[in-house]
Protein backbone atom coordinates (compact mmCIF):
# COMPACT_ATOMS: atom_id res chain seq x y z
CA MET A 1 -0.06 0.02 0.15
CA LYS A 2 1.34 3.50 -1.23
CA HIS A 3 0.30 5.78 1.70
CA LEU A 4 0.94 9.11 -0.67
CA LEU A 5 -0.52 8.16 -3.75
CA GLY A 6 -0.99 10.90 -5.91
CA LYS A 7 -0.34 13.72 -3.40
CA ILE A 8 1.70 16.69 -4.50
CA CYS A 9 4.39 17.38 -1.99
CA VAL A 10 6.70 20.23 -1.87
CA ILE A 11 9.78 19.88 0.22
CA THR A 12 12.28 22.90 0.79
CA GLY A 13 16.18 22.26 1.62
CA ALA A 14 15.50 18.68 -0.21
CA ALA A 15 19.19 18.88 -1.84
CA ARG A 16 20.60 16.81 1.16
CA GLY A 17 20.01 15.59 4.63
CA ILE A 18 16.62 15.05 6.11
CA GLY A 19 14.93 17.01 3.21
CA LEU A 20 16.45 14.68 0.55
CA ALA A 21 15.60 11.54 2.81
CA ILE A 22 11.76 12.60 3.21
CA ALA A 23 11.61 13.18 -0.62
CA GLU A 24 13.09 9.67 -1.28
CA ARG A 25 10.52 8.29 1.04
CA TYR A 26 7.61 10.24 -0.58
CA ILE A 27 8.39 8.90 -4.01
CA THR A 28 8.34 5.49 -2.95
CA GLU A 29 4.89 6.25 -1.09
CA GLY A 30 3.56 7.28 -4.62
CA ALA A 31 3.93 11.16 -3.97
CA VAL A 32 4.07 13.53 -6.68
CA VAL A 33 7.16 15.50 -5.24
CA ILE A 34 8.89 19.02 -6.04
CA LEU A 35 12.17 19.40 -4.45
CA THR A 36 13.38 23.05 -3.56
CA ASP A 37 16.33 24.09 -2.51
CA LYS A 38 18.62 27.34 -2.87
CA ASN A 39 21.30 25.50 -4.38
CA ALA A 40 20.23 25.13 -7.98
CA GLU A 41 22.69 22.71 -9.34
CA ALA A 42 22.72 20.25 -6.46
CA ILE A 43 18.78 20.40 -6.46
CA ARG A 44 18.53 19.52 -10.25
CA ALA A 45 21.03 16.49 -9.94
CA GLU A 46 19.00 14.94 -7.17
CA ALA A 47 15.74 15.55 -9.06
CA GLN A 48 17.15 14.15 -11.94
CA ARG A 49 18.29 11.02 -10.17
CA LEU A 50 14.96 10.69 -8.22
CA GLY A 51 12.64 11.25 -11.47
CA ALA A 52 11.32 14.12 -9.54
CA GLN A 53 10.74 17.99 -10.36
CA ALA A 54 12.74 20.49 -8.95
CA LEU A 55 12.59 24.21 -8.44
CA THR A 56 15.21 26.86 -7.00
CA LEU A 57 14.03 28.52 -3.92
CA ASP A 58 15.53 30.52 -1.47
CA VAL A 59 12.96 30.37 1.59
CA THR A 60 13.78 33.75 2.43
CA SER A 61 12.46 35.37 -0.75
CA GLU A 62 8.92 36.27 -1.03
CA ASN A 63 9.28 36.52 -4.66
CA ASP A 64 10.54 32.85 -4.85
CA TRP A 65 7.71 31.76 -2.96
CA GLU A 66 5.58 33.52 -5.50
CA THR A 67 7.34 31.86 -8.37
CA LEU A 68 6.54 28.40 -6.57
CA ALA A 69 2.70 29.16 -6.03
CA LYS A 70 2.33 29.99 -9.55
CA ALA A 71 3.88 26.94 -10.60
CA TRP A 72 2.27 24.67 -7.86
CA PRO A 73 -1.24 26.68 -7.17
CA GLN A 74 -2.24 23.26 -5.60
CA ILE A 75 -0.48 21.07 -3.37
CA ASP A 76 -1.16 18.55 -0.80
CA VAL A 77 1.75 18.58 1.50
CA LEU A 78 4.57 21.13 2.28
CA VAL A 79 7.50 20.10 4.39
CA ASN A 80 9.45 23.12 5.41
CA ASN A 81 12.47 21.79 6.12
CA ALA A 82 15.25 24.21 4.98
CA GLY A 83 17.21 25.62 7.98
CA VAL A 84 20.82 26.66 8.97
CA THR A 85 22.33 26.54 12.52
CA GLY A 86 24.36 29.94 12.25
CA PHE A 87 27.89 28.17 11.70
CA GLU A 88 28.05 26.97 8.39
CA ASP A 89 30.04 30.19 7.23
CA SER A 90 31.07 31.33 10.17
CA ALA A 91 32.87 30.75 13.41
CA ALA A 92 31.11 33.57 15.27
CA PRO A 93 29.85 33.12 18.57
CA GLN A 94 26.18 32.41 18.91
CA ASP A 95 25.86 32.78 22.51
CA PRO A 96 23.27 35.37 23.97
CA GLU A 97 26.10 37.34 25.34
CA ASN A 98 28.16 38.00 22.30
CA ALA A 99 25.98 37.11 19.24
CA ALA A 100 26.22 39.48 16.82
CA LEU A 101 22.53 41.06 15.87
CA GLU A 102 23.01 40.54 12.10
CA ASP A 103 24.06 36.79 12.90
CA TRP A 104 20.94 36.28 15.00
CA ARG A 105 18.64 37.84 12.29
CA ALA A 106 20.30 35.53 9.57
CA VAL A 107 19.45 32.65 11.38
CA HIS A 108 15.61 33.48 12.06
CA ARG A 109 15.45 34.83 8.46
CA VAL A 110 16.03 31.24 7.19
CA ASN A 111 14.40 29.02 10.01
CA LEU A 112 11.50 31.46 11.26
CA ASP A 113 10.68 33.56 8.51
CA GLY A 114 10.96 31.10 5.78
CA THR A 115 8.76 28.71 7.51
CA PHE A 116 6.31 31.42 8.03
CA LEU A 117 6.41 32.13 4.32
CA GLY A 118 6.01 28.31 3.33
CA CYS A 119 2.98 28.04 5.82
CA ARG A 120 1.36 31.03 4.32
CA TYR A 121 1.65 29.60 0.82
CA ALA A 122 0.73 26.38 1.90
CA ILE A 123 -2.59 27.43 3.39
CA LYS A 124 -3.36 29.44 0.02
CA ALA A 125 -2.32 26.45 -1.85
CA MET A 126 -4.70 23.89 0.16
CA ARG A 127 -7.50 26.00 0.69
CA GLU A 128 -9.40 25.41 -2.54
CA LYS A 129 -9.27 21.84 -1.71
CA GLY A 130 -9.85 22.39 1.88
CA GLU A 131 -7.42 19.95 3.10
CA GLY A 132 -3.77 19.42 3.30
CA SER A 133 -0.81 18.69 5.76
CA ILE A 134 1.83 21.19 6.72
CA ILE A 135 5.19 19.75 8.16
CA ASN A 136 7.49 21.88 9.86
CA ILE A 137 11.03 20.59 10.87
CA SER A 138 11.67 22.08 14.28
CA SER A 139 14.59 20.75 16.59
CA ARG A 140 15.25 19.11 19.88
CA SER A 141 16.77 22.42 20.33
CA GLY A 142 13.41 24.09 19.99
CA MET A 143 12.18 22.63 23.15
CA VAL A 144 15.31 23.31 25.43
CA GLY A 145 17.81 26.07 25.86
CA ILE A 146 21.29 25.81 23.82
CA PRO A 147 23.62 28.46 25.25
CA GLY A 148 25.89 28.41 22.41
CA ALA A 149 23.39 28.54 19.72
CA ALA A 150 20.86 30.88 20.96
CA ALA A 151 19.32 32.01 17.51
CA TYR A 152 19.26 28.49 16.45
CA ALA A 153 17.25 27.60 19.46
CA SER A 154 15.11 30.54 19.48
CA SER A 155 14.19 29.96 15.84
CA LYS A 156 13.44 26.39 16.46
CA ALA A 157 11.12 27.00 19.47
CA ALA A 158 9.24 29.44 17.50
CA ILE A 159 8.59 27.09 14.94
CA ARG A 160 7.05 24.92 17.26
CA ASN A 161 4.56 27.46 18.45
CA HIS A 162 3.95 28.82 14.77
CA SER A 163 2.80 25.31 14.11
CA LYS A 164 0.24 25.22 16.69
CA THR A 165 -1.14 28.65 15.64
CA VAL A 166 -1.28 27.58 11.95
CA ALA A 167 -3.08 24.53 13.20
CA LEU A 168 -5.79 26.55 15.32
CA TYR A 169 -6.22 29.15 12.49
CA CYS A 170 -6.87 26.48 9.82
CA ALA A 171 -9.46 24.95 12.02
CA GLN A 172 -10.81 28.07 12.54
CA GLU A 173 -11.37 28.41 9.16
CA GLY A 174 -13.14 25.28 8.79
CA LEU A 175 -10.19 24.00 6.61
CA ASN A 176 -8.75 20.30 7.22
CA ILE A 177 -5.31 21.87 6.76
CA ARG A 178 -3.43 19.84 9.48
CA CYS A 179 0.17 21.49 10.58
CA ASN A 180 2.56 19.87 12.98
CA SER A 181 6.22 19.92 13.80
CA VAL A 182 8.73 17.38 14.09
CA HIS A 183 11.41 17.68 16.59
CA PRO A 184 14.94 15.66 15.60
CA ALA A 185 17.89 15.48 17.94
CA ALA A 186 21.34 14.13 16.68
CA ILE A 187 20.46 13.02 12.90
CA LEU A 188 23.44 11.75 11.16
CA THR A 189 23.41 14.49 8.08
CA PRO A 190 26.05 16.13 6.10
CA MET A 191 26.38 18.89 8.48
CA TRP A 192 27.98 16.74 11.16
CA GLU A 193 30.63 15.75 8.64
CA PRO A 194 32.92 18.64 9.70
CA MET A 195 32.63 17.55 13.49
CA LEU A 196 33.04 13.75 13.05
CA GLY A 197 35.95 14.01 10.56
CA GLY A 198 37.28 10.93 8.54
CA GLY A 199 39.96 9.93 10.78
CA GLU A 200 40.67 6.86 13.12
CA ASP A 201 38.95 8.54 15.62
CA ARG A 202 35.46 9.09 13.89
CA LYS A 203 33.75 6.57 16.12
CA ALA A 204 35.04 7.89 19.20
CA ARG A 205 33.96 11.64 18.16
CA MET A 206 30.60 9.87 17.53
CA ALA A 207 30.15 8.01 20.30
CA SER A 208 31.04 11.51 22.10
CA PHE A 209 28.10 13.26 20.71
CA VAL A 210 25.64 10.87 22.00
CA THR A 211 27.05 10.19 25.17
CA ASP A 212 23.58 11.65 27.04
CA THR A 213 21.42 9.96 24.53
CA PRO A 214 19.85 7.11 25.97
CA LEU A 215 20.02 4.90 22.80
CA LYS A 216 23.53 5.79 22.36
CA ARG A 217 23.40 6.40 18.82
CA PHE A 218 22.90 9.07 16.04
CA GLY A 219 19.28 8.94 14.18
CA GLN A 220 19.20 8.55 10.57
CA PRO A 221 17.15 10.67 8.10
CA SER A 222 15.40 7.53 7.03
CA GLU A 223 13.94 7.78 10.38
CA VAL A 224 12.64 11.44 10.16
CA ALA A 225 11.10 10.65 6.71
CA ALA A 226 8.90 7.81 8.33
CA ILE A 227 7.53 10.25 10.51
CA ALA A 228 6.99 12.79 7.76
CA VAL A 229 5.33 9.94 5.77
CA LEU A 230 2.82 9.38 8.83
CA LEU A 231 2.06 13.04 9.15
CA ALA A 232 1.42 13.71 5.36
CA SER A 233 -1.03 10.58 5.09
CA ASP A 234 -4.39 10.19 5.84
CA GLU A 235 -3.36 8.05 8.66
CA GLY A 236 -2.44 11.10 10.59
CA ALA A 237 -5.77 13.06 9.84
CA TYR A 238 -6.43 13.57 13.60
CA MET A 239 -3.06 14.89 14.32
CA THR A 240 -2.86 18.77 14.34
CA GLY A 241 -1.28 21.33 16.51
CA THR A 242 1.19 18.75 17.95
CA GLU A 243 4.78 17.84 18.02
CA ILE A 244 6.68 14.52 17.37
CA THR A 245 10.08 14.34 19.03
CA ILE A 246 13.00 12.02 17.46
CA ASP A 247 15.63 11.89 19.76
CA GLY A 248 16.65 8.56 21.00
CA GLY A 249 14.98 9.10 24.22
CA LEU A 250 17.00 12.37 24.84
CA LEU A 251 14.26 14.32 26.58
CA ALA A 252 12.76 11.45 28.35
CA GLY A 253 14.41 12.41 31.67
């Protein structure tokens, strides 16, 4: 049984990591998938490999969202996955005492503004049909304080709250448009590679990062994708305004 047969699904930040894993799984579930990412070359290559469609999208750009809306005015599922930590291009401090205002704003522009624009687009693209699923990828960091990554934690916490707001708004509008957030912890994606390295001590480094995780391992992008299938499918029809944590038990106690 294919759980997403014929559903039109847009995924942001789909050139790699969790977004790409969700795209791959959605395709196996029968969905029509539109991969988006600001990296035009990478997203075209992945779309060609998967037999999917691609569109270059910078989630901070209203013009890019308008272009998407013209190309895909009606969809069934949106996964707001695109996000940044703030450490991609800079070693500047991200703590609440020393972080620069522009660095703080840059993280929020992508993570929070991008999610807001995505939700706004999705509601309009789902309104005529009166149903759909919006899945916002937040983080375990959005549920606890992270002293060394203040902007990232703040933005992910805001995504958790905005997801509930969107869910309630849609319900009040009489729309069966569901909105939920997913909160992964340490998922083994390319963003971890600079910290893990490729030397003989890689395994030791990996173990050190998950010392406090009860299951003592990294999660896999495919495990996040499985949750995204549930939330996108009709089997998740009574789930809205909630969050699902996938963290190997980290927040259990």
